[in-house]
Amino acid sequence: MEWTDLIDTAFRVAGNTNQANQAEVVRTVEASVIDGEKPVASTAGRHPDHFRKGVLVLTTHRLLFLKDGKPPVPVPLAAVTDATVTRTKLNGDVLTVVALTGSHRFEDVVKADVFAEQIRESARLARTAPALQKPAAAPDADEQLIGQLERLAALRASGALTEDEFTRAKQRLIG
């Protein structure tokens, strides 16, 4: 699958047929592609701070939220600990992605359950990829786990994670 096809499909799902916006998003994404990064899936959704829908693009390395040619909002997959879907009458299917970098919420997500499963699987693969394996000089696994738990606790203390999100993320880390 090519970047252009993925983004065009997601824009159509979002109901945004503005060719200039689509072309600008493709250029923005292609300019920020990481070495070896490939597109995986896309869907439409809305960030709580925006009225109109944007595009959620899942790659082998990141989850990106794209809207109207603005810089993408990236979430590194190796940091993702959970992706859940809730349904509300006001905001439709709400996708919440919990990562060590914070909690990210997207509303009115098209095919949210399928997309959440793709995020969880891609995140699992990203965490186990050979490029992410521990180098010789890296801290041992216990020190890394403690650091990750401390970051989760800080996110909970700052209000970025709810108690439930914190508990699920912690359970995923500990196993």
C-alpha atoms as a PDB file:
ATOM      1  CA  MET A   1       0.000   0.000   0.000  1.00  0.00           C
ATOM      2  CA  GLU A   2       1.269   3.456  -0.888  1.00  0.00           C
ATOM      3  CA  TRP A   3       1.035   6.610   1.244  1.00  0.00           C
ATOM      4  CA  THR A   4      -1.105   8.372  -1.347  1.00  0.00           C
ATOM      5  CA  ASP A   5      -3.651   5.543  -1.538  1.00  0.00           C
ATOM      6  CA  LEU A   6      -3.891   5.277   2.243  1.00  0.00           C
ATOM      7  CA  ILE A   7      -4.418   8.993   2.805  1.00  0.00           C
ATOM      8  CA  ASP A   8      -6.836   9.389  -0.140  1.00  0.00           C
ATOM      9  CA  THR A   9      -8.977   6.552   1.206  1.00  0.00           C
ATOM     10  CA  ALA A  10      -9.063   8.035   4.700  1.00  0.00           C
ATOM     11  CA  PHE A  11      -9.974  11.485   3.353  1.00  0.00           C
ATOM     12  CA  ARG A  12     -12.875   9.976   1.393  1.00  0.00           C
ATOM     13  CA  VAL A  13     -14.082   8.221   4.552  1.00  0.00           C
ATOM     14  CA  ALA A  14     -13.825  11.546   6.403  1.00  0.00           C
ATOM     15  CA  GLY A  15     -15.943  13.176   3.718  1.00  0.00           C
ATOM     16  CA  ASN A  16     -13.193  15.636   2.808  1.00  0.00           C
ATOM     17  CA  THR A  17     -12.763  15.724  -0.965  1.00  0.00           C
ATOM     18  CA  ASN A  18     -10.510  18.783  -1.059  1.00  0.00           C
ATOM     19  CA  GLN A  19      -7.699  17.664  -3.387  1.00  0.00           C
ATOM     20  CA  ALA A  20      -5.374  20.457  -2.212  1.00  0.00           C
ATOM     21  CA  ASN A  21      -5.694  19.297   1.426  1.00  0.00           C
ATOM     22  CA  GLN A  22      -5.062  15.688   0.427  1.00  0.00           C
ATOM     23  CA  ALA A  23      -1.979  16.601  -1.598  1.00  0.00           C
ATOM     24  CA  GLU A  24      -0.633  18.765   1.230  1.00  0.00           C
ATOM     25  CA  VAL A  25      -1.115  15.951   3.765  1.00  0.00           C
ATOM     26  CA  VAL A  26       0.669  13.466   1.489  1.00  0.00           C
ATOM     27  CA  ARG A  27       3.608  15.894   1.099  1.00  0.00           C
ATOM     28  CA  THR A  28       3.721  16.506   4.870  1.00  0.00           C
ATOM     29  CA  VAL A  29       3.733  12.784   5.651  1.00  0.00           C
ATOM     30  CA  GLU A  30       6.261  11.863   2.975  1.00  0.00           C
ATOM     31  CA  ALA A  31       8.599  14.601   4.266  1.00  0.00           C
ATOM     32  CA  SER A  32       8.497  13.160   7.779  1.00  0.00           C
ATOM     33  CA  VAL A  33       8.765   9.439   6.970  1.00  0.00           C
ATOM     34  CA  ILE A  34      11.246   7.555   9.136  1.00  0.00           C
ATOM     35  CA  ASP A  35      13.706   5.161   7.449  1.00  0.00           C
ATOM     36  CA  GLY A  36      11.949   1.847   6.898  1.00  0.00           C
ATOM     37  CA  GLU A  37       8.515   3.207   7.842  1.00  0.00           C
ATOM     38  CA  LYS A  38       5.635   1.762   5.826  1.00  0.00           C
ATOM     39  CA  PRO A  39       1.902   2.581   5.867  1.00  0.00           C
ATOM     40  CA  VAL A  40      -0.316  -0.015   7.556  1.00  0.00           C
ATOM     41  CA  ALA A  41      -3.872   1.356   7.757  1.00  0.00           C
ATOM     42  CA  SER A  42      -5.915   4.522   7.933  1.00  0.00           C
ATOM     43  CA  THR A  43      -9.308   5.734   9.040  1.00  0.00           C
ATOM     44  CA  ALA A  44     -11.142   8.949   9.715  1.00  0.00           C
ATOM     45  CA  GLY A  45     -11.707  10.519  13.099  1.00  0.00           C
ATOM     46  CA  ARG A  46     -11.862  13.791  14.920  1.00  0.00           C
ATOM     47  CA  HIS A  47      -9.485  15.158  17.516  1.00  0.00           C
ATOM     48  CA  PRO A  48     -11.454  16.688  20.430  1.00  0.00           C
ATOM     49  CA  ASP A  49      -9.883  20.089  19.668  1.00  0.00           C
ATOM     50  CA  HIS A  50     -11.148  20.108  16.056  1.00  0.00           C
ATOM     51  CA  PHE A  51     -14.654  20.327  14.644  1.00  0.00           C
ATOM     52  CA  ARG A  52     -14.023  18.592  11.314  1.00  0.00           C
ATOM     53  CA  LYS A  53     -12.726  15.076  10.863  1.00  0.00           C
ATOM     54  CA  GLY A  54      -9.114  14.397  10.068  1.00  0.00           C
ATOM     55  CA  VAL A  55      -7.200  11.277   9.112  1.00  0.00           C
ATOM     56  CA  LEU A  56      -5.609   8.718  11.416  1.00  0.00           C
ATOM     57  CA  VAL A  57      -2.713   6.964   9.673  1.00  0.00           C
ATOM     58  CA  LEU A  58      -1.107   3.905  11.228  1.00  0.00           C
ATOM     59  CA  THR A  59       2.421   3.104  10.092  1.00  0.00           C
ATOM     60  CA  THR A  60       4.930   0.481  11.131  1.00  0.00           C
ATOM     61  CA  HIS A  61       6.461   3.071  13.513  1.00  0.00           C
ATOM     62  CA  ARG A  62       3.780   5.614  14.489  1.00  0.00           C
ATOM     63  CA  LEU A  63       0.185   6.630  14.664  1.00  0.00           C
ATOM     64  CA  LEU A  64      -0.340   9.998  12.967  1.00  0.00           C
ATOM     65  CA  PHE A  65      -3.299  12.375  13.146  1.00  0.00           C
ATOM     66  CA  LEU A  66      -3.444  14.553  10.027  1.00  0.00           C
ATOM     67  CA  LYS A  67      -5.744  17.462   9.301  1.00  0.00           C
ATOM     68  CA  ASP A  68      -5.751  20.146   6.624  1.00  0.00           C
ATOM     69  CA  GLY A  69      -2.009  20.067   5.908  1.00  0.00           C
ATOM     70  CA  LYS A  70      -1.048  20.839   9.517  1.00  0.00           C
ATOM     71  CA  PRO A  71       2.006  19.100  10.980  1.00  0.00           C
ATOM     72  CA  PRO A  72       1.111  15.526  11.957  1.00  0.00           C
ATOM     73  CA  VAL A  73       0.486  14.665  15.598  1.00  0.00           C
ATOM     74  CA  PRO A  74       2.678  11.544  16.030  1.00  0.00           C
ATOM     75  CA  VAL A  75       2.351   8.788  18.638  1.00  0.00           C
ATOM     76  CA  PRO A  76       5.335   6.373  18.578  1.00  0.00           C
ATOM     77  CA  LEU A  77       4.040   2.787  18.489  1.00  0.00           C
ATOM     78  CA  ALA A  78       6.811   1.447  20.701  1.00  0.00           C
ATOM     79  CA  ALA A  79       5.394   3.657  23.479  1.00  0.00           C
ATOM     80  CA  VAL A  80       1.752   2.559  23.012  1.00  0.00           C
ATOM     81  CA  THR A  81       0.489   0.464  25.923  1.00  0.00           C
ATOM     82  CA  ASP A  82      -3.226   0.274  25.090  1.00  0.00           C
ATOM     83  CA  ALA A  83      -5.878   1.203  22.528  1.00  0.00           C
ATOM     84  CA  THR A  84      -9.521   1.048  23.575  1.00  0.00           C
ATOM     85  CA  VAL A  85     -12.865   1.986  22.055  1.00  0.00           C
ATOM     86  CA  THR A  86     -15.891   3.344  23.881  1.00  0.00           C
ATOM     87  CA  ARG A  87     -19.206   4.338  22.382  1.00  0.00           C
ATOM     88  CA  THR A  88     -21.021   7.550  23.224  1.00  0.00           C
ATOM     89  CA  LYS A  89     -24.189   9.106  21.852  1.00  0.00           C
ATOM     90  CA  LEU A  90     -22.558  12.501  21.433  1.00  0.00           C
ATOM     91  CA  ASN A  91     -19.098  11.583  20.086  1.00  0.00           C
ATOM     92  CA  GLY A  92     -19.702   8.210  18.391  1.00  0.00           C
ATOM     93  CA  ASP A  93     -16.915   5.657  18.672  1.00  0.00           C
ATOM     94  CA  VAL A  94     -14.129   7.131  20.810  1.00  0.00           C
ATOM     95  CA  LEU A  95     -10.631   5.686  20.360  1.00  0.00           C
ATOM     96  CA  THR A  96      -8.290   6.219  23.288  1.00  0.00           C
ATOM     97  CA  VAL A  97      -4.628   5.426  22.700  1.00  0.00           C
ATOM     98  CA  VAL A  98      -2.554   5.241  25.875  1.00  0.00           C
ATOM     99  CA  ALA A  99       1.179   5.647  25.415  1.00  0.00           C
ATOM    100  CA  LEU A 100       4.136   6.463  27.602  1.00  0.00           C
ATOM    101  CA  THR A 101       4.021   9.880  25.907  1.00  0.00           C
ATOM    102  CA  GLY A 102       0.460  10.535  27.096  1.00  0.00           C
ATOM    103  CA  SER A 103      -3.134   9.635  26.404  1.00  0.00           C
ATOM    104  CA  HIS A 104      -4.605  10.502  23.004  1.00  0.00           C
ATOM    105  CA  ARG A 105      -8.351  10.634  22.319  1.00  0.00           C
ATOM    106  CA  PHE A 106     -10.020  10.586  18.914  1.00  0.00           C
ATOM    107  CA  GLU A 107     -13.784  10.871  18.489  1.00  0.00           C
ATOM    108  CA  ASP A 108     -16.243   9.678  15.857  1.00  0.00           C
ATOM    109  CA  VAL A 109     -13.670   7.173  14.547  1.00  0.00           C
ATOM    110  CA  VAL A 110     -14.752   5.089  11.561  1.00  0.00           C
ATOM    111  CA  LYS A 111     -14.332   1.321  12.147  1.00  0.00           C
ATOM    112  CA  ALA A 112     -12.781   2.090  15.526  1.00  0.00           C
ATOM    113  CA  ASP A 113     -12.713  -1.505  16.810  1.00  0.00           C
ATOM    114  CA  VAL A 114     -10.798  -2.786  13.788  1.00  0.00           C
ATOM    115  CA  PHE A 115      -8.414   0.179  13.874  1.00  0.00           C
ATOM    116  CA  ALA A 116      -7.774  -0.255  17.637  1.00  0.00           C
ATOM    117  CA  GLU A 117      -6.854  -3.898  17.050  1.00  0.00           C
ATOM    118  CA  GLN A 118      -4.479  -2.868  14.244  1.00  0.00           C
ATOM    119  CA  ILE A 119      -2.867  -0.337  16.610  1.00  0.00           C
ATOM    120  CA  ARG A 120      -2.420  -2.940  19.367  1.00  0.00           C
ATOM    121  CA  GLU A 121      -0.857  -5.441  16.957  1.00  0.00           C
ATOM    122  CA  SER A 122       1.412  -2.847  15.310  1.00  0.00           C
ATOM    123  CA  ALA A 123       2.489  -1.596  18.751  1.00  0.00           C
ATOM    124  CA  ARG A 124       3.329  -5.147  19.829  1.00  0.00           C
ATOM    125  CA  LEU A 125       5.400  -5.624  16.668  1.00  0.00           C
ATOM    126  CA  ALA A 126       7.115  -2.241  17.141  1.00  0.00           C
ATOM    127  CA  ARG A 127       8.146  -3.143  20.691  1.00  0.00           C
ATOM    128  CA  THR A 128       9.637  -6.457  19.565  1.00  0.00           C
ATOM    129  CA  ALA A 129      11.334  -5.202  16.378  1.00  0.00           C
ATOM    130  CA  PRO A 130      15.067  -5.957  16.162  1.00  0.00           C
ATOM    131  CA  ALA A 131      15.911  -2.236  15.913  1.00  0.00           C
ATOM    132  CA  LEU A 132      14.319  -1.728  19.326  1.00  0.00           C
ATOM    133  CA  GLN A 133      16.164  -4.559  21.040  1.00  0.00           C
ATOM    134  CA  LYS A 134      18.470  -3.620  23.896  1.00  0.00           C
ATOM    135  CA  PRO A 135      21.940  -2.487  22.788  1.00  0.00           C
ATOM    136  CA  ALA A 136      24.952  -3.654  24.793  1.00  0.00           C
ATOM    137  CA  ALA A 137      25.271  -0.365  26.736  1.00  0.00           C
ATOM    138  CA  ALA A 138      21.537   0.018  27.453  1.00  0.00           C
ATOM    139  CA  PRO A 139      20.189  -0.157  30.995  1.00  0.00           C
ATOM    140  CA  ASP A 140      18.992  -3.573  32.085  1.00  0.00           C
ATOM    141  CA  ALA A 141      15.349  -4.573  31.762  1.00  0.00           C
ATOM    142  CA  ASP A 142      14.545  -3.821  35.415  1.00  0.00           C
ATOM    143  CA  GLU A 143      15.803  -0.238  35.121  1.00  0.00           C
ATOM    144  CA  GLN A 144      13.819   0.259  31.892  1.00  0.00           C
ATOM    145  CA  LEU A 145      10.650  -1.102  33.504  1.00  0.00           C
ATOM    146  CA  ILE A 146      11.076   1.170  36.518  1.00  0.00           C
ATOM    147  CA  GLY A 147      11.554   4.177  34.225  1.00  0.00           C
ATOM    148  CA  GLN A 148       8.434   3.316  32.254  1.00  0.00           C
ATOM    149  CA  LEU A 149       6.396   2.846  35.436  1.00  0.00           C
ATOM    150  CA  GLU A 150       7.638   6.184  36.761  1.00  0.00           C
ATOM    151  CA  ARG A 151       6.557   7.911  33.527  1.00  0.00           C
ATOM    152  CA  LEU A 152       3.126   6.292  33.771  1.00  0.00           C
ATOM    153  CA  ALA A 153       2.784   7.442  37.380  1.00  0.00           C
ATOM    154  CA  ALA A 154       3.759  10.981  36.359  1.00  0.00           C
ATOM    155  CA  LEU A 155       1.136  10.944  33.579  1.00  0.00           C
ATOM    156  CA  ARG A 156      -1.495   9.780  36.066  1.00  0.00           C
ATOM    157  CA  ALA A 157      -0.459  12.446  38.584  1.00  0.00           C
ATOM    158  CA  SER A 158      -0.672  15.166  35.916  1.00  0.00           C
ATOM    159  CA  GLY A 159      -4.172  14.054  34.928  1.00  0.00           C
ATOM    160  CA  ALA A 160      -3.153  12.877  31.434  1.00  0.00           C
ATOM    161  CA  LEU A 161      -4.206   9.316  32.373  1.00  0.00           C
ATOM    162  CA  THR A 162      -7.234   8.215  34.331  1.00  0.00           C
ATOM    163  CA  GLU A 163      -6.814   5.642  37.090  1.00  0.00           C
ATOM    164  CA  ASP A 164      -8.290   2.972  34.824  1.00  0.00           C
ATOM    165  CA  GLU A 165      -5.965   3.862  31.907  1.00  0.00           C
ATOM    166  CA  PHE A 166      -3.005   3.859  34.285  1.00  0.00           C
ATOM    167  CA  THR A 167      -3.925   0.419  35.656  1.00  0.00           C
ATOM    168  CA  ARG A 168      -4.322  -1.111  32.183  1.00  0.00           C
ATOM    169  CA  ALA A 169      -1.043   0.405  30.957  1.00  0.00           C
ATOM    170  CA  LYS A 170       0.787  -0.793  34.068  1.00  0.00           C
ATOM    171  CA  GLN A 171      -0.597  -4.317  33.662  1.00  0.00           C
ATOM    172  CA  ARG A 172       0.565  -4.388  30.038  1.00  0.00           C
ATOM    173  CA  LEU A 173       4.078  -3.337  31.056  1.00  0.00           C
ATOM    174  CA  ILE A 174       4.355  -5.823  33.892  1.00  0.00           C
ATOM    175  CA  GLY A 175       2.781  -8.624  31.907  1.00  0.00           C
END
